[in-house]
């Protein structure tokens, strides 16, 4: 028994006294929350947003930024990051990075090199969100002071999460998703656009946070997809929402329509449930898209009784027609751009491997245009009643 006790004690101390050689103090690390990559004069310009731990933990009021932006240039991304190391007293630490913002030029021309860099880095976070900057550079966006959050990366991270669900025009894409799409056949990646407000005066000043009206703010655009020339094109808001509906996303997104009896008045509905089903018929080269959507009436300013079932059916029919038109517009762009960003080819490949030779033939040019699409949308309404229906008008109630 004594020998067993000694063995246990020795083993215990071995685990305690060893394994600390590679231990790193948090105070010695520069926690990278976001990274931006762009091209300037044939060189990569890399921007990293690093948490300022010292300022974040300082007692009392501190008007200084809680993050610091470092930039570096190089022939490769790794060289640019090494240049940043000469400007920072701390080792850059990437496991907690939340955002990777790439310029549209990078996506259009050099994305494979970026992928190679990130996949070789064992400290990277494959769950980081990827956004594409247009009109403004990633470094300009990451240097913009934001409200609500001390760290701009956290602000953007929260915004895209809310935008995908509450507005329906954005789409979350992680770095892992991006790599997966490029490896798979029959699906092309799609991105969310990020930009700044038109008035970018004092965007780097913390004084703007003390004002009710911010002089500059970060905005998320619609979904970006590739066209047949391999260039990014922005979908419309309606097409972006339709994209998410097909993919069973966009819960809590809204739709606003004109009142049928008064085009100057409107009503708004919120999506409460979204169920989509996509089936493939190889004999007819046919894709059947079936959507079942449940909306709740959130704001109703029409002079129409919601207690009348005929009026309810008219509203449901109007939403079905509008949604179907938006989906058809999205599908037409997929064919026009020769870009299967929705992923029909991937679906077909999983259902019928012999339908198309994905390995030796170009699906986007030879397979996608052959498909026939049939779309069916079924809408049901909840929360039909409203106060207008029971307000007395000229001695009568609606």
Protein backbone atom coordinates (compact mmCIF):
# COMPACT_ATOMS: atom_id res chain seq x y z
CA UNK A 1 0.00 0.00 0.00
CA UNK A 2 2.85 2.37 0.82
CA UNK A 3 4.40 1.79 -2.59
CA UNK A 4 1.08 2.66 -4.25
CA UNK A 5 0.83 5.86 -2.20
CA UNK A 6 4.36 6.88 -3.18
CA UNK A 7 3.65 6.22 -6.84
CA UNK A 8 0.48 8.34 -6.69
CA UNK A 9 2.32 11.20 -4.95
CA UNK A 10 5.23 11.12 -7.40
CA UNK A 11 2.83 11.11 -10.36
CA UNK A 12 0.92 14.02 -8.83
CA UNK A 13 4.04 16.16 -8.41
CA UNK A 14 5.27 15.32 -11.90
CA UNK A 15 2.05 16.75 -13.38
CA UNK A 16 2.27 19.86 -11.20
CA UNK A 17 5.96 20.66 -11.70
CA UNK A 18 6.15 20.07 -15.45
CA UNK A 19 4.39 21.42 -18.52
CA UNK A 20 4.80 25.11 -17.68
CA UNK A 21 7.67 25.82 -20.01
CA UNK A 22 5.39 27.06 -22.80
CA UNK A 23 3.10 28.94 -20.44
CA UNK A 24 2.38 32.52 -21.53
CA UNK A 25 1.19 35.37 -19.34
CA UNK A 26 -1.85 37.24 -20.65
CA UNK A 27 -0.09 40.52 -19.98
CA UNK A 28 2.63 39.48 -22.46
CA UNK A 29 0.16 38.83 -25.27
CA UNK A 30 -1.56 41.20 -27.66
CA UNK A 31 -5.09 39.79 -27.97
CA UNK A 32 -6.14 40.28 -31.58
CA UNK A 33 -9.89 40.81 -31.90
CA UNK A 34 -10.02 41.61 -35.63
CA UNK A 35 -7.81 41.63 -38.70
CA UNK A 36 -8.07 43.45 -42.01
CA UNK A 37 -6.22 42.55 -45.20
CA UNK A 38 -5.90 44.71 -48.32
CA UNK A 39 -3.42 45.35 -51.15
CA UNK A 40 -1.38 48.53 -51.64
CA UNK A 41 1.15 48.77 -54.46
CA UNK A 42 1.38 44.99 -54.88
CA UNK A 43 2.00 44.49 -51.16
CA UNK A 44 -0.29 43.24 -48.43
CA UNK A 45 -1.35 45.75 -45.81
CA UNK A 46 -2.47 43.93 -42.68
CA UNK A 47 -4.30 45.71 -39.87
CA UNK A 48 -4.82 44.10 -36.47
CA UNK A 49 -7.07 45.40 -33.73
CA UNK A 50 -5.47 44.58 -30.38
CA UNK A 51 -7.18 44.85 -26.98
CA UNK A 52 -5.55 47.45 -24.76
CA UNK A 53 -5.61 45.49 -21.50
CA UNK A 54 -3.93 48.20 -19.46
CA UNK A 55 -6.48 50.83 -20.42
CA UNK A 56 -9.38 48.40 -20.14
CA UNK A 57 -8.62 47.63 -16.50
CA UNK A 58 -7.80 51.19 -15.42
CA UNK A 59 -9.94 52.49 -12.57
CA UNK A 60 -12.12 55.52 -13.11
CA UNK A 61 -13.20 57.22 -16.31
CA UNK A 62 -11.00 56.71 -19.33
CA UNK A 63 -11.87 58.39 -22.62
CA UNK A 64 -9.10 56.65 -24.53
CA UNK A 65 -9.76 53.78 -26.87
CA UNK A 66 -9.85 50.28 -25.42
CA UNK A 67 -8.12 48.92 -28.52
CA UNK A 68 -5.07 49.79 -30.57
CA UNK A 69 -4.79 49.36 -34.33
CA UNK A 70 -1.45 48.24 -35.72
CA UNK A 71 -0.63 48.03 -39.43
CA UNK A 72 2.19 46.41 -41.36
CA UNK A 73 3.06 45.75 -44.99
CA UNK A 74 4.83 42.90 -46.73
CA UNK A 75 5.02 40.73 -49.81
CA UNK A 76 3.09 38.10 -47.83
CA UNK A 77 0.64 38.33 -44.93
CA UNK A 78 3.11 36.67 -42.60
CA UNK A 79 5.79 39.23 -43.45
CA UNK A 80 3.32 42.06 -42.80
CA UNK A 81 2.44 40.61 -39.39
CA UNK A 82 6.11 40.28 -38.52
CA UNK A 83 6.53 43.96 -39.33
CA UNK A 84 3.72 44.72 -36.88
CA UNK A 85 5.70 42.83 -34.23
CA UNK A 86 8.38 45.51 -34.50
CA UNK A 87 5.80 48.12 -33.49
CA UNK A 88 4.23 46.21 -30.60
CA UNK A 89 5.81 45.25 -27.29
CA UNK A 90 3.55 42.18 -27.10
CA UNK A 91 3.32 39.01 -29.13
CA UNK A 92 0.22 38.99 -31.32
CA UNK A 93 -2.22 36.28 -30.18
CA UNK A 94 -4.91 35.13 -32.65
CA UNK A 95 -6.99 32.33 -31.03
CA UNK A 96 -9.68 34.84 -29.93
CA UNK A 97 -9.98 36.73 -33.20
CA UNK A 98 -13.62 37.41 -34.08
CA UNK A 99 -13.45 39.11 -37.48
CA UNK A 100 -11.46 38.94 -40.68
CA UNK A 101 -12.25 41.84 -43.01
CA UNK A 102 -10.97 41.41 -46.56
CA UNK A 103 -11.03 44.04 -49.30
CA UNK A 104 -12.99 43.16 -52.42
CA UNK A 105 -9.70 43.19 -54.36
CA UNK A 106 -8.33 40.45 -52.10
CA UNK A 107 -11.42 38.29 -52.61
CA UNK A 108 -11.42 38.85 -56.36
CA UNK A 109 -7.72 38.14 -56.92
CA UNK A 110 -5.76 36.77 -53.97
CA UNK A 111 -8.09 34.77 -51.72
CA UNK A 112 -6.20 31.48 -52.17
CA UNK A 113 -3.03 33.03 -50.74
CA UNK A 114 -4.98 34.30 -47.73
CA UNK A 115 -6.48 30.85 -47.16
CA UNK A 116 -3.04 29.26 -47.30
CA UNK A 117 -1.76 31.70 -44.67
CA UNK A 118 -4.64 31.14 -42.23
CA UNK A 119 -4.81 27.39 -42.57
CA UNK A 120 -1.08 27.08 -41.82
CA UNK A 121 -1.42 29.17 -38.66
CA UNK A 122 -2.21 26.79 -35.78
CA UNK A 123 -3.19 29.74 -33.55
CA UNK A 124 -5.94 31.01 -35.83
CA UNK A 125 -9.66 30.83 -35.07
CA UNK A 126 -11.55 29.01 -37.84
CA UNK A 127 -14.85 30.34 -36.43
CA UNK A 128 -13.95 33.97 -37.08
CA UNK A 129 -16.47 35.80 -39.27
CA UNK A 130 -15.40 36.91 -42.75
CA UNK A 131 -16.68 40.22 -44.12
CA UNK A 132 -15.80 42.02 -47.34
CA UNK A 133 -15.16 45.76 -47.36
CA UNK A 134 -16.24 47.88 -50.31
CA UNK A 135 -15.85 51.64 -50.80
CA UNK A 136 -13.71 51.80 -47.66
CA UNK A 137 -10.59 49.81 -46.79
CA UNK A 138 -10.45 47.29 -43.92
CA UNK A 139 -7.98 49.53 -42.07
CA UNK A 140 -10.42 52.48 -42.26
CA UNK A 141 -13.26 50.35 -40.94
CA UNK A 142 -11.24 48.88 -38.08
CA UNK A 143 -10.02 52.33 -37.05
CA UNK A 144 -13.57 53.65 -36.65
CA UNK A 145 -14.74 54.25 -33.09
CA UNK A 146 -18.07 52.57 -32.31
CA UNK A 147 -20.81 53.07 -29.75
CA UNK A 148 -22.23 50.45 -27.34
CA UNK A 149 -19.05 48.36 -27.42
CA UNK A 150 -15.56 49.42 -26.33
CA UNK A 151 -14.06 47.01 -28.86
CA UNK A 152 -15.19 47.73 -32.46
CA UNK A 153 -14.72 44.07 -33.43
CA UNK A 154 -17.29 43.04 -30.84
CA UNK A 155 -19.68 45.69 -32.15
CA UNK A 156 -19.41 44.37 -35.72
CA UNK A 157 -19.66 40.77 -34.51
CA UNK A 158 -22.90 41.53 -32.67
CA UNK A 159 -24.25 43.57 -35.59
CA UNK A 160 -23.91 40.83 -38.19
CA UNK A 161 -25.45 38.28 -35.83
CA UNK A 162 -28.48 40.54 -35.33
CA UNK A 163 -28.64 41.57 -38.98
CA UNK A 164 -28.86 37.98 -40.22
CA UNK A 165 -31.86 37.25 -37.99
CA UNK A 166 -33.62 40.59 -37.44
CA UNK A 167 -33.20 42.13 -40.87
CA UNK A 168 -32.47 39.08 -43.00
CA UNK A 169 -30.13 40.75 -45.51
CA UNK A 170 -26.79 39.66 -43.99
CA UNK A 171 -25.25 36.22 -43.94
CA UNK A 172 -22.79 34.79 -41.43
CA UNK A 173 -19.76 33.19 -43.07
CA UNK A 174 -16.97 31.78 -40.92
CA UNK A 175 -13.48 31.15 -42.22
CA UNK A 176 -14.15 27.41 -41.86
CA UNK A 177 -17.28 27.78 -44.02
CA UNK A 178 -15.32 29.68 -46.65
CA UNK A 179 -12.65 27.00 -46.93
CA UNK A 180 -15.34 24.31 -47.05
CA UNK A 181 -17.16 26.04 -49.92
CA UNK A 182 -13.97 26.34 -51.95
CA UNK A 183 -13.20 22.64 -51.48
CA UNK A 184 -16.70 21.43 -52.29
CA UNK A 185 -18.08 21.33 -55.82
CA UNK A 186 -21.55 22.66 -56.60
CA UNK A 187 -21.56 25.64 -54.25
CA UNK A 188 -19.95 29.08 -54.37
CA UNK A 189 -19.24 31.26 -51.32
CA UNK A 190 -21.24 34.36 -50.50
CA UNK A 191 -20.25 37.21 -48.20
CA UNK A 192 -21.70 40.16 -46.33
CA UNK A 193 -20.63 43.66 -47.31
CA UNK A 194 -19.26 46.04 -44.67
CA UNK A 195 -18.74 49.76 -45.14
CA UNK A 196 -18.90 53.12 -43.37
CA UNK A 197 -21.46 55.89 -43.34
CA UNK A 198 -20.99 58.62 -45.96
CA UNK A 199 -19.95 61.23 -43.41
CA UNK A 200 -16.64 59.92 -42.10
CA UNK A 201 -15.54 63.10 -40.36
CA UNK A 202 -13.82 62.50 -37.01
CA UNK A 203 -14.33 58.74 -37.33
CA UNK A 204 -11.17 58.12 -35.29
CA UNK A 205 -12.02 60.50 -32.44
CA UNK A 206 -13.48 59.36 -29.13
CA UNK A 207 -15.14 62.77 -28.81
CA UNK A 208 -17.83 61.63 -31.25
CA UNK A 209 -19.03 59.14 -28.64
CA UNK A 210 -20.03 62.04 -26.37
CA UNK A 211 -22.46 63.31 -29.00
CA UNK A 212 -26.03 62.07 -29.54
CA UNK A 213 -25.46 61.95 -33.29
CA UNK A 214 -22.39 59.95 -34.32
CA UNK A 215 -20.49 61.54 -37.20
CA UNK A 216 -19.52 58.11 -38.51
CA UNK A 217 -20.64 54.56 -38.01
CA UNK A 218 -20.06 51.10 -39.42
CA UNK A 219 -22.84 49.71 -41.61
CA UNK A 220 -23.51 46.23 -42.96
CA UNK A 221 -24.66 45.91 -46.53
CA UNK A 222 -26.38 43.12 -48.41
CA UNK A 223 -25.04 39.75 -49.52
CA UNK A 224 -22.20 39.66 -52.06
CA UNK A 225 -21.90 36.88 -54.66
CA UNK A 226 -19.60 36.16 -57.59
CA UNK A 227 -20.63 36.81 -61.18
CA UNK A 228 -19.39 34.86 -64.23
CA UNK A 229 -16.27 37.09 -64.39
CA UNK A 230 -15.43 36.05 -60.82
CA UNK A 231 -16.11 39.55 -59.50
CA UNK A 232 -18.23 40.33 -56.46
CA UNK A 233 -21.72 41.72 -57.10
CA UNK A 234 -24.08 42.97 -54.39
CA UNK A 235 -27.58 41.50 -54.28
CA UNK A 236 -30.53 43.74 -53.52
CA UNK A 237 -32.02 43.76 -50.03
CA UNK A 238 -35.03 41.74 -51.22
CA UNK A 239 -32.81 39.16 -52.94
CA UNK A 240 -30.60 38.89 -49.87
CA UNK A 241 -33.63 38.19 -47.68
CA UNK A 242 -34.90 35.62 -50.22
CA UNK A 243 -31.50 33.91 -50.10
CA UNK A 244 -31.79 33.47 -46.33
CA UNK A 245 -35.40 32.30 -46.59
CA UNK A 246 -34.38 29.49 -48.94
CA UNK A 247 -31.74 28.48 -46.40
CA UNK A 248 -34.24 28.54 -43.49
CA UNK A 249 -32.60 31.62 -41.97
CA UNK A 250 -33.79 35.16 -41.37
CA UNK A 251 -36.10 34.48 -38.42
CA UNK A 252 -37.46 37.74 -36.99
CA UNK A 253 -36.76 39.52 -40.28
CA UNK A 254 -39.52 41.87 -41.42
CA UNK A 255 -41.40 42.71 -44.60
CA UNK A 256 -43.22 46.02 -45.23
CA UNK A 257 -45.96 46.37 -47.84
CA UNK A 258 -48.38 49.01 -49.11
CA UNK A 259 -51.97 48.91 -47.99
CA UNK A 260 -54.15 47.66 -50.84
CA UNK A 261 -56.66 50.50 -50.48
CA UNK A 262 -54.11 53.27 -49.82
CA UNK A 263 -50.62 53.20 -51.36
CA UNK A 264 -49.47 55.93 -48.98
CA UNK A 265 -49.98 53.73 -45.94
CA UNK A 266 -48.06 50.61 -44.98
CA UNK A 267 -48.04 47.57 -42.76
CA UNK A 268 -45.15 45.51 -41.41
CA UNK A 269 -44.94 41.82 -40.59
CA UNK A 270 -42.29 39.89 -38.66
CA UNK A 271 -41.19 36.38 -39.66
CA UNK A 272 -41.87 34.00 -36.77
CA UNK A 273 -41.27 30.63 -38.43
CA UNK A 274 -39.46 29.59 -41.60
CA UNK A 275 -39.45 26.09 -43.02
CA UNK A 276 -37.91 25.38 -46.43
CA UNK A 277 -37.72 22.17 -48.40
CA UNK A 278 -35.70 21.75 -51.60
CA UNK A 279 -36.17 18.65 -53.75
CA UNK A 280 -34.56 17.52 -56.99
CA UNK A 281 -36.17 15.62 -59.85
CA UNK A 282 -33.40 14.31 -62.11
CA UNK A 283 -35.78 13.14 -64.84
CA UNK A 284 -37.15 16.64 -65.32
CA UNK A 285 -33.94 18.53 -64.40
CA UNK A 286 -36.17 20.22 -61.87
CA UNK A 287 -35.56 21.91 -58.52
CA UNK A 288 -38.65 22.33 -56.35
CA UNK A 289 -38.40 24.99 -53.64
CA UNK A 290 -41.18 24.91 -51.05
CA UNK A 291 -41.36 27.56 -48.33
CA UNK A 292 -43.74 27.66 -45.38
CA UNK A 293 -43.60 31.05 -43.68
CA UNK A 294 -45.43 32.24 -40.61
CA UNK A 295 -45.64 36.00 -40.06
CA UNK A 296 -46.90 38.07 -37.18
CA UNK A 297 -48.52 41.44 -37.89
CA UNK A 298 -46.36 43.98 -36.06
CA UNK A 299 -47.60 47.31 -37.41
CA UNK A 300 -50.86 47.72 -39.32
CA UNK A 301 -51.93 51.15 -40.59
CA UNK A 302 -54.44 50.07 -43.23
CA UNK A 303 -58.16 50.75 -43.12
CA UNK A 304 -58.88 47.07 -43.53
CA UNK A 305 -60.47 44.74 -41.00
CA UNK A 306 -58.18 41.96 -39.86
CA UNK A 307 -61.23 40.16 -38.48
CA UNK A 308 -62.35 39.40 -42.00
CA UNK A 309 -60.87 36.11 -43.27
CA UNK A 310 -61.08 37.29 -46.88
CA UNK A 311 -58.81 40.25 -46.04
CA UNK A 312 -56.38 37.90 -44.29
CA UNK A 313 -56.23 35.67 -47.36
CA UNK A 314 -55.53 38.71 -49.56
CA UNK A 315 -52.62 39.75 -47.35
CA UNK A 316 -51.22 36.21 -47.30
CA UNK A 317 -51.54 36.00 -51.07
CA UNK A 318 -49.78 39.34 -51.52
CA UNK A 319 -46.83 38.25 -49.35
CA UNK A 320 -46.63 34.92 -51.17
CA UNK A 321 -46.49 36.68 -54.53
CA UNK A 322 -43.87 39.19 -53.42
CA UNK A 323 -41.69 36.50 -51.83
CA UNK A 324 -41.94 34.30 -54.91
CA UNK A 325 -40.93 37.21 -57.17
CA UNK A 326 -37.89 37.93 -54.97
CA UNK A 327 -36.84 34.27 -55.05
CA UNK A 328 -37.24 34.13 -58.84
CA UNK A 329 -35.11 37.27 -59.17
CA UNK A 330 -32.44 35.59 -57.03
CA UNK A 331 -32.54 32.40 -59.12
CA UNK A 332 -32.30 34.38 -62.36
CA UNK A 333 -29.16 36.10 -61.09
CA UNK A 334 -27.64 32.77 -60.15
CA UNK A 335 -28.15 31.59 -63.74
CA UNK A 336 -27.04 34.93 -65.24
CA UNK A 337 -23.88 35.08 -63.12
CA UNK A 338 -23.14 31.37 -63.64
CA UNK A 339 -22.67 31.20 -59.89
CA UNK A 340 -24.30 28.55 -57.72
CA UNK A 341 -24.10 30.49 -54.46
CA UNK A 342 -27.28 28.81 -53.21
CA UNK A 343 -25.67 25.37 -53.51
CA UNK A 344 -28.04 23.41 -55.76
CA UNK A 345 -25.10 21.52 -57.27
CA UNK A 346 -23.96 20.37 -53.85
CA UNK A 347 -27.50 19.19 -53.07
CA UNK A 348 -27.75 17.30 -56.39
CA UNK A 349 -24.35 15.70 -55.87
CA UNK A 350 -25.47 14.32 -52.50
CA UNK A 351 -28.73 12.98 -53.99
CA UNK A 352 -27.59 11.66 -57.36
CA UNK A 353 -23.84 11.34 -57.97
CA UNK A 354 -24.36 10.19 -61.55
CA UNK A 355 -26.42 13.19 -62.65
CA UNK A 356 -23.43 15.40 -63.47
CA UNK A 357 -19.67 14.89 -63.82
CA UNK A 358 -18.60 17.48 -61.24
CA UNK A 359 -14.98 16.35 -61.39
CA UNK A 360 -14.36 16.93 -65.08
CA UNK A 361 -17.02 19.44 -66.13
CA UNK A 362 -17.87 23.00 -65.12
CA UNK A 363 -21.13 22.81 -63.16
CA UNK A 364 -21.82 26.55 -63.25
CA UNK A 365 -21.57 26.76 -67.05
CA UNK A 366 -22.93 23.38 -68.12
CA UNK A 367 -25.10 22.08 -65.29
CA UNK A 368 -26.71 25.03 -63.52
CA UNK A 369 -28.32 26.60 -66.66
CA UNK A 370 -30.12 23.31 -67.43
CA UNK A 371 -32.13 23.37 -64.21
CA UNK A 372 -35.81 24.24 -64.14
CA UNK A 373 -37.05 25.90 -60.96
CA UNK A 374 -40.47 25.68 -59.41
CA UNK A 375 -41.17 27.79 -56.35
CA UNK A 376 -44.07 27.44 -53.98
CA UNK A 377 -44.61 29.79 -51.04
CA UNK A 378 -47.22 29.28 -48.35
CA UNK A 379 -47.79 32.12 -45.87
CA UNK A 380 -49.88 32.11 -42.71
CA UNK A 381 -50.54 35.02 -40.37
CA UNK A 382 -50.55 35.20 -36.59
CA UNK A 383 -51.60 38.05 -34.30
CA UNK A 384 -54.33 39.17 -36.66
CA UNK A 385 -56.29 41.46 -34.38
CA UNK A 386 -55.48 45.13 -33.90
CA UNK A 387 -56.89 48.10 -32.04
CA UNK A 388 -58.14 49.76 -35.23
CA UNK A 389 -60.64 46.94 -35.69
CA UNK A 390 -62.43 47.74 -32.44
CA UNK A 391 -62.29 51.54 -32.46
CA UNK A 392 -65.76 53.04 -32.87
CA UNK A 393 -66.22 54.84 -36.19
CA UNK A 394 -69.37 56.87 -36.89
CA UNK A 395 -71.38 54.91 -34.36
CA UNK A 396 -70.16 51.55 -35.64
CA UNK A 397 -67.36 49.19 -34.86
CA UNK A 398 -65.19 47.56 -37.48
